[in-house]
Amino acid sequence: MLERPAAKKSVHESFIPELVYFEPSALDYPKGQQIMEWVKSLGIPYRMTTSHNRITNLPGESELEQYKIAKRTLVVGIRKTLKFDTSKPSAEYAIPIATGCMGHCHYCYLQTTLGAKPYIRVYVNTDEIMQAAKGYIDERIPEITRFEAACTSDPVGLEPITGSLRELITFMADQEYGRLRFVTKFHYVDSLLDIKHNGHTRVRFSVNAKYVIKNFEPSTSRFEDRIEAAAKIARAGYPLGFIIAPIIWHEGWQEGYAELLSSLAASLPKDASSGLTFELIQHRFTKTAKNVIEKRYPRTKLEMDIEKRKYKWGRWGQGKYVYPDEQAEALRMFISERIFEHFEDAKIEYFT
């Protein structure tokens, strides 16, 4: 197994990959050169690759070991496809600055959407990506166009390496009809606090009951660190939001989610309730996800009993297993009441 390099004191104190791949053309961009310099300064092993989509020679004796190493592997490349995917209900489009995540959340939909490519990809041609976004904005004027930066990754966890969110936020600050959104389980937001944003970027933090974070969210920031980061974001004047996802029915769930909301209220600035948003997503899974999760996390406590679930058809003809209506409504009502108990001016954008 690859040995983890000793981390040096630097701004890059979050995710330290154990192996890095570069597309040769990525080094034609300043961001690619900067990442290469950082990799060399830490003594991280690196290799060249013809494409960020085809990393086939990862080390590891078994499929599970290769998966774990892949989650600690960074691939630096160019985003060639500048046609953005849609991102409902969060936004009109997903803006692609990274793919993959260093977190090990057992329930994550990236387990299946990324398939055999769980390694982390970052894209260095952010100027081209932002120009593509400008085209989408111009097409919809005078409608506001929202972009979600966290559909296929957690960009805050990568921000100390890439600086891409800082660029996007600054760009979107000057777009009258453009807005940026992203959600994170990490707390590395300090580089985002001193830049112009004009209120055009909404930062959302993924939070949950302690039971869920403890059992199903390894390799992410602690709840307390996320909330401290949320308070910093609020004081910096950003629109703030929280995603409670996945909402999981477990023993003591009422106490767990009540404690979650009371902790938020106690930690945030008093005026944070104004404009605060919540997005509520109950736990769901597909048969494919169930098989993948049980293979990658064989000791998981995640409940995925098909017999206890309701089958819900999706927009693209593929269904998912969600909670039966009575359980789902109990979760929705209880958490909604706790939200408005503590944040009377907040908005619940959806429950799904």
Protein backbone atom coordinates (compact mmCIF):
# COMPACT_ATOMS: atom_id res chain seq x y z
CA MET A 1 0.00 0.00 0.00
CA LEU A 2 1.15 3.52 -0.71
CA GLU A 3 2.63 5.37 2.23
CA ARG A 4 0.94 8.62 3.16
CA PRO A 5 3.31 11.59 2.74
CA ALA A 6 4.06 13.65 5.81
CA ALA A 7 1.90 16.76 5.63
CA LYS A 8 3.82 20.02 5.82
CA LYS A 9 2.44 23.13 7.46
CA SER A 10 0.72 25.00 4.62
CA VAL A 11 -2.65 26.28 3.48
CA HIS A 12 -3.31 22.79 2.13
CA GLU A 13 -4.18 21.13 5.42
CA SER A 14 -7.39 19.42 4.37
CA PHE A 15 -7.27 16.59 1.84
CA ILE A 16 -3.75 15.28 1.18
CA PRO A 17 -3.85 12.72 -1.65
CA GLU A 18 -1.51 9.74 -1.59
CA LEU A 19 -1.15 9.63 -5.37
CA VAL A 20 -1.72 12.26 -8.08
CA TYR A 21 -2.21 11.88 -11.82
CA PHE A 22 -1.78 14.75 -14.29
CA GLU A 23 -2.99 15.09 -17.83
CA PRO A 24 0.03 16.63 -19.64
CA SER A 25 -2.13 19.45 -21.06
CA ALA A 26 -3.23 20.39 -17.51
CA LEU A 27 0.27 21.74 -16.98
CA ASP A 28 -0.38 24.34 -19.70
CA TYR A 29 -2.69 26.11 -17.24
CA PRO A 30 -1.53 28.16 -14.22
CA LYS A 31 -3.74 26.12 -11.88
CA GLY A 32 -2.20 22.88 -13.13
CA GLN A 33 1.30 24.25 -12.59
CA GLN A 34 0.41 25.42 -9.07
CA ILE A 35 -0.96 22.00 -8.12
CA MET A 36 2.15 20.32 -9.53
CA GLU A 37 4.38 22.60 -7.44
CA TRP A 38 2.35 21.74 -4.35
CA VAL A 39 2.53 18.01 -5.08
CA LYS A 40 6.31 18.20 -5.45
CA SER A 41 6.69 20.30 -2.28
CA LEU A 42 4.96 17.57 -0.25
CA GLY A 43 6.76 14.74 -1.97
CA ILE A 44 3.51 13.13 -3.11
CA PRO A 45 4.04 10.45 -5.80
CA TYR A 46 2.63 11.51 -9.18
CA ARG A 47 2.16 10.00 -12.59
CA MET A 48 1.08 11.23 -16.02
CA THR A 49 -2.09 10.00 -17.72
CA THR A 50 -3.58 10.50 -21.14
CA SER A 51 -7.09 11.13 -19.77
CA HIS A 52 -8.65 11.95 -16.40
CA ASN A 53 -11.46 9.54 -17.36
CA ARG A 54 -9.22 6.49 -17.75
CA ILE A 55 -7.19 5.71 -14.66
CA THR A 56 -6.77 1.96 -14.88
CA ASN A 57 -3.55 1.08 -13.09
CA LEU A 58 -4.41 1.99 -9.51
CA PRO A 59 -2.56 -0.09 -6.92
CA GLY A 60 -4.35 -2.50 -4.60
CA GLU A 61 -4.60 -6.26 -4.12
CA SER A 62 -8.41 -6.39 -4.15
CA GLU A 63 -11.33 -4.41 -5.52
CA LEU A 64 -12.07 -3.02 -2.05
CA GLU A 65 -8.45 -1.98 -1.51
CA GLN A 66 -8.36 -0.33 -4.95
CA TYR A 67 -11.53 1.57 -4.05
CA LYS A 68 -10.00 2.88 -0.82
CA ILE A 69 -6.82 3.96 -2.61
CA ALA A 70 -8.88 5.58 -5.39
CA LYS A 71 -10.61 7.74 -2.77
CA ARG A 72 -7.16 9.04 -1.82
CA THR A 73 -6.11 9.65 -5.43
CA LEU A 74 -6.26 13.04 -7.13
CA VAL A 75 -6.46 13.41 -10.91
CA VAL A 76 -5.71 16.83 -12.41
CA GLY A 77 -7.14 17.39 -15.87
CA ILE A 78 -9.06 19.55 -18.29
CA ARG A 79 -12.84 19.59 -18.48
CA LYS A 80 -13.38 19.11 -22.20
CA THR A 81 -17.18 18.80 -22.15
CA LEU A 82 -18.55 22.27 -21.43
CA LYS A 83 -22.18 21.31 -21.86
CA PHE A 84 -23.62 21.51 -18.35
CA ASP A 85 -26.04 18.96 -16.91
CA THR A 86 -29.30 20.11 -15.36
CA SER A 87 -29.48 20.14 -11.56
CA LYS A 88 -33.08 20.24 -10.38
CA PRO A 89 -34.41 21.03 -7.82
CA SER A 90 -31.30 22.78 -6.50
CA ALA A 91 -30.43 24.83 -9.58
CA GLU A 92 -30.83 25.12 -13.34
CA TYR A 93 -27.38 23.72 -14.11
CA ALA A 94 -24.47 21.87 -12.53
CA ILE A 95 -21.18 23.72 -12.99
CA PRO A 96 -18.36 21.17 -13.29
CA ILE A 97 -15.22 22.11 -11.36
CA ALA A 98 -14.55 18.69 -9.78
CA THR A 99 -15.78 15.11 -9.75
CA GLY A 100 -15.52 12.73 -6.82
CA CYS A 101 -15.15 13.22 -3.09
CA MET A 102 -12.66 12.26 -0.39
CA GLY A 103 -15.48 11.57 2.09
CA HIS A 104 -16.67 8.03 2.79
CA CYS A 105 -20.38 8.65 3.31
CA HIS A 106 -21.95 5.19 3.11
CA TYR A 107 -25.22 6.42 1.58
CA CYS A 108 -23.78 8.76 -1.08
CA TYR A 109 -25.27 8.56 -4.58
CA LEU A 110 -21.76 8.99 -6.00
CA GLN A 111 -21.21 5.35 -5.02
CA THR A 112 -23.14 4.40 -8.15
CA THR A 113 -23.03 7.48 -10.39
CA LEU A 114 -19.23 7.41 -10.45
CA GLY A 115 -19.19 3.64 -10.81
CA ALA A 116 -15.67 2.37 -11.33
CA LYS A 117 -14.18 5.89 -11.17
CA PRO A 118 -14.24 6.85 -7.47
CA TYR A 119 -10.99 8.79 -7.73
CA ILE A 120 -11.14 12.57 -7.35
CA ARG A 121 -10.85 14.73 -10.46
CA VAL A 122 -10.24 18.48 -10.51
CA TYR A 123 -10.34 20.64 -13.61
CA VAL A 124 -7.83 23.40 -14.23
CA ASN A 125 -9.53 25.23 -17.13
CA THR A 126 -11.84 27.24 -14.88
CA ASP A 127 -11.75 30.30 -17.16
CA GLU A 128 -13.31 28.21 -19.93
CA ILE A 129 -15.86 26.74 -17.52
CA MET A 130 -16.86 30.23 -16.35
CA GLN A 131 -17.21 31.45 -19.93
CA ALA A 132 -19.51 28.52 -20.64
CA ALA A 133 -21.56 29.52 -17.59
CA LYS A 134 -21.76 33.07 -18.94
CA GLY A 135 -23.29 31.66 -22.11
CA TYR A 136 -25.99 29.86 -20.15
CA ILE A 137 -26.73 33.03 -18.15
CA ASP A 138 -27.05 35.15 -21.29
CA GLU A 139 -29.44 32.64 -22.89
CA ARG A 140 -31.93 32.99 -20.01
CA ILE A 141 -31.87 36.75 -19.40
CA PRO A 142 -33.95 38.23 -17.76
CA GLU A 143 -34.42 35.01 -15.73
CA ILE A 144 -31.93 34.26 -12.95
CA THR A 145 -29.76 31.22 -13.73
CA ARG A 146 -28.52 29.20 -10.75
CA PHE A 147 -25.49 26.92 -10.87
CA GLU A 148 -24.82 24.08 -8.42
CA ALA A 149 -21.10 23.44 -7.88
CA ALA A 150 -21.46 20.35 -5.68
CA CYS A 151 -23.45 17.86 -7.77
CA THR A 152 -20.58 15.44 -8.26
CA SER A 153 -18.11 16.47 -5.57
CA ASP A 154 -17.60 18.41 -2.36
CA PRO A 155 -15.63 21.42 -3.67
CA VAL A 156 -14.93 22.89 -0.21
CA GLY A 157 -12.88 19.82 0.67
CA LEU A 158 -10.76 20.51 -2.42
CA GLU A 159 -10.64 24.30 -2.16
CA PRO A 160 -7.26 24.47 -0.37
CA ILE A 161 -5.77 22.65 -3.37
CA THR A 162 -7.63 24.26 -6.28
CA GLY A 163 -8.94 27.70 -5.27
CA SER A 164 -11.69 27.11 -7.84
CA LEU A 165 -14.59 28.15 -5.61
CA ARG A 166 -12.90 31.46 -4.86
CA GLU A 167 -12.67 32.07 -8.62
CA LEU A 168 -16.30 31.08 -9.23
CA ILE A 169 -17.63 33.23 -6.41
CA THR A 170 -15.72 36.26 -7.64
CA PHE A 171 -16.92 35.66 -11.19
CA MET A 172 -20.56 35.22 -10.15
CA ALA A 173 -20.45 38.39 -8.03
CA ASP A 174 -20.38 40.38 -11.28
CA GLN A 175 -23.20 38.44 -12.97
CA GLU A 176 -26.48 40.31 -12.57
CA TYR A 177 -28.48 37.28 -13.67
CA GLY A 178 -26.22 34.52 -12.36
CA ARG A 179 -26.14 32.78 -8.98
CA LEU A 180 -23.88 30.09 -7.50
CA ARG A 181 -24.75 27.43 -4.94
CA PHE A 182 -22.78 24.65 -3.32
CA VAL A 183 -23.12 22.35 -0.35
CA THR A 184 -20.39 20.87 1.83
CA LYS A 185 -19.56 18.60 4.73
CA PHE A 186 -16.20 20.32 5.19
CA HIS A 187 -15.16 23.48 7.02
CA TYR A 188 -12.32 24.87 4.88
CA VAL A 189 -13.98 28.20 4.10
CA ASP A 190 -11.43 30.75 5.37
CA SER A 191 -10.18 31.62 1.86
CA LEU A 192 -13.76 32.52 0.88
CA LEU A 193 -14.41 35.05 3.62
CA ASP A 194 -12.57 38.10 2.30
CA ILE A 195 -13.73 38.17 -1.32
CA LYS A 196 -16.48 40.04 -3.13
CA HIS A 197 -19.60 37.92 -3.55
CA ASN A 198 -22.44 40.48 -3.76
CA GLY A 199 -24.76 37.95 -2.16
CA HIS A 200 -24.80 35.95 -5.40
CA THR A 201 -23.46 32.73 -3.84
CA ARG A 202 -25.45 30.65 -1.37
CA VAL A 203 -23.29 28.41 0.81
CA ARG A 204 -25.08 25.41 2.27
CA PHE A 205 -23.80 22.98 4.85
CA SER A 206 -24.88 19.36 5.00
CA VAL A 207 -25.82 18.55 8.59
CA ASN A 208 -27.46 15.65 10.35
CA ALA A 209 -28.21 13.97 13.64
CA LYS A 210 -25.13 12.82 15.55
CA TYR A 211 -26.07 9.17 14.97
CA VAL A 212 -25.90 9.66 11.19
CA ILE A 213 -22.64 11.60 11.21
CA LYS A 214 -20.95 9.13 13.56
CA ASN A 215 -21.99 5.99 11.70
CA PHE A 216 -22.23 6.97 8.05
CA GLU A 217 -20.00 10.01 7.33
CA PRO A 218 -16.34 8.98 7.82
CA SER A 219 -13.59 11.29 6.54
CA THR A 220 -15.73 14.45 6.73
CA SER A 221 -15.48 17.44 9.05
CA ARG A 222 -16.94 17.17 12.53
CA PHE A 223 -20.41 18.63 13.05
CA GLU A 224 -19.00 21.32 15.35
CA ASP A 225 -16.46 22.39 12.72
CA ARG A 226 -19.16 22.61 10.05
CA ILE A 227 -21.31 24.82 12.25
CA GLU A 228 -18.36 27.05 13.13
CA ALA A 229 -17.71 27.41 9.39
CA ALA A 230 -21.40 28.20 8.80
CA ALA A 231 -21.21 31.00 11.36
CA LYS A 232 -18.15 32.41 9.56
CA ILE A 233 -20.03 32.31 6.26
CA ALA A 234 -23.02 34.08 7.81
CA ARG A 235 -20.81 36.81 9.28
CA ALA A 236 -19.17 37.27 5.86
CA GLY A 237 -22.59 38.15 4.46
CA TYR A 238 -23.17 35.11 2.27
CA PRO A 239 -26.70 33.73 1.89
CA LEU A 240 -26.68 30.62 4.09
CA GLY A 241 -28.51 27.33 3.91
CA PHE A 242 -28.55 23.83 5.34
CA ILE A 243 -29.28 20.50 3.77
CA ILE A 244 -30.47 17.85 6.19
CA ALA A 245 -29.73 14.74 4.20
CA PRO A 246 -30.20 11.94 4.25
CA ILE A 247 -32.86 12.06 6.93
CA ILE A 248 -32.65 8.61 8.48
CA TRP A 249 -35.28 6.92 10.61
CA HIS A 250 -33.34 5.46 13.53
CA GLU A 251 -33.85 4.80 17.22
CA GLY A 252 -34.09 8.18 18.93
CA TRP A 253 -34.45 10.11 15.67
CA GLN A 254 -36.74 12.73 17.23
CA GLU A 255 -34.19 13.57 19.91
CA GLY A 256 -31.38 13.51 17.36
CA TYR A 257 -32.97 15.94 14.93
CA ALA A 258 -34.29 18.16 17.70
CA GLU A 259 -30.75 18.41 19.11
CA LEU A 260 -29.42 19.18 15.63
CA LEU A 261 -31.74 22.18 15.16
CA SER A 262 -31.21 23.51 18.66
CA SER A 263 -27.43 23.27 18.19
CA LEU A 264 -27.68 25.23 14.96
CA ALA A 265 -29.73 27.93 16.63
CA ALA A 266 -27.28 28.23 19.51
CA SER A 267 -24.22 28.47 17.26
CA LEU A 268 -25.29 30.85 14.49
CA PRO A 269 -25.36 34.65 14.65
CA LYS A 270 -28.73 35.99 15.78
CA ASP A 271 -29.52 37.51 12.39
CA ALA A 272 -28.69 34.34 10.43
CA SER A 273 -32.35 33.33 10.30
CA SER A 274 -33.09 36.03 7.74
CA GLY A 275 -32.94 34.41 4.31
CA LEU A 276 -31.92 31.04 5.76
CA THR A 277 -32.92 28.04 3.67
CA PHE A 278 -33.35 24.35 4.42
CA GLU A 279 -33.51 21.42 2.02
CA LEU A 280 -34.81 18.14 3.43
CA ILE A 281 -34.02 14.83 1.74
CA GLN A 282 -35.09 11.48 3.18
CA HIS A 283 -32.80 8.48 2.80
CA ARG A 284 -33.27 6.59 -0.44
CA PHE A 285 -31.38 3.94 -2.35
CA THR A 286 -31.53 1.81 -5.47
CA LYS A 287 -30.90 -1.92 -5.67
CA THR A 288 -27.64 -1.15 -7.45
CA ALA A 289 -26.58 1.25 -4.69
CA LYS A 290 -27.46 -1.30 -2.01
CA ASN A 291 -25.19 -3.89 -3.65
CA VAL A 292 -22.32 -1.45 -4.11
CA ILE A 293 -22.55 -0.01 -0.58
CA GLU A 294 -22.66 -3.44 1.07
CA LYS A 295 -19.58 -4.48 -0.91
CA ARG A 296 -17.59 -1.31 -0.14
CA TYR A 297 -18.72 -0.95 3.48
CA PRO A 298 -19.45 -4.53 4.57
CA ARG A 299 -19.94 -3.55 8.22
CA THR A 300 -22.27 -0.62 7.59
CA LYS A 301 -25.23 -0.10 9.90
CA LEU A 302 -27.15 1.60 7.10
CA GLU A 303 -30.67 0.17 6.94
CA MET A 304 -31.53 -0.83 3.36
CA ASP A 305 -34.32 -3.37 3.86
CA ILE A 306 -36.41 -3.28 0.69
CA GLU A 307 -39.33 -4.87 2.54
CA LYS A 308 -39.55 -1.82 4.82
CA ARG A 309 -39.53 0.71 2.00
CA LYS A 310 -41.77 2.23 -0.65
CA TYR A 311 -40.72 2.16 -4.29
CA LYS A 312 -40.79 5.60 -5.86
CA TRP A 313 -40.36 6.09 -9.59
CA GLY A 314 -37.81 8.68 -10.67
CA ARG A 315 -37.90 11.17 -13.52
CA TRP A 316 -35.64 9.06 -15.73
CA GLY A 317 -37.54 5.81 -15.39
CA GLN A 318 -35.41 4.45 -12.54
CA GLY A 319 -37.01 4.09 -9.16
CA LYS A 320 -35.65 4.39 -5.63
CA TYR A 321 -36.62 2.97 -2.29
CA VAL A 322 -37.84 5.63 0.14
CA TYR A 323 -39.68 5.52 3.45
CA PRO A 324 -43.40 4.62 3.42
CA ASP A 325 -45.68 7.66 3.35
CA GLU A 326 -46.50 7.55 7.07
CA GLN A 327 -42.84 7.53 8.11
CA ALA A 328 -41.88 10.15 5.53
CA GLU A 329 -44.64 12.48 6.69
CA ALA A 330 -43.65 12.01 10.34
CA LEU A 331 -40.06 12.96 9.49
CA ARG A 332 -41.14 15.95 7.42
CA MET A 333 -43.55 17.31 10.02
CA PHE A 334 -41.27 16.88 13.02
CA ILE A 335 -38.18 18.41 11.41
CA SER A 336 -40.17 21.25 9.81
CA GLU A 337 -41.70 22.16 13.17
CA ARG A 338 -38.26 22.19 14.83
CA ILE A 339 -36.89 24.40 12.05
CA PHE A 340 -39.60 27.03 12.45
CA GLU A 341 -39.37 26.79 16.25
CA HIS A 342 -35.78 28.02 16.05
CA PHE A 343 -35.74 29.92 12.74
CA GLU A 344 -39.15 31.50 12.20
CA ASP A 345 -38.01 33.41 9.10
CA ALA A 346 -36.37 30.41 7.41
CA LYS A 347 -37.62 28.85 4.20
CA ILE A 348 -37.90 25.12 3.58
CA GLU A 349 -37.22 24.82 -0.13
CA TYR A 350 -38.39 21.21 -0.48
CA PHE A 351 -38.79 17.84 1.17
CA THR A 352 -38.18 14.86 -1.03
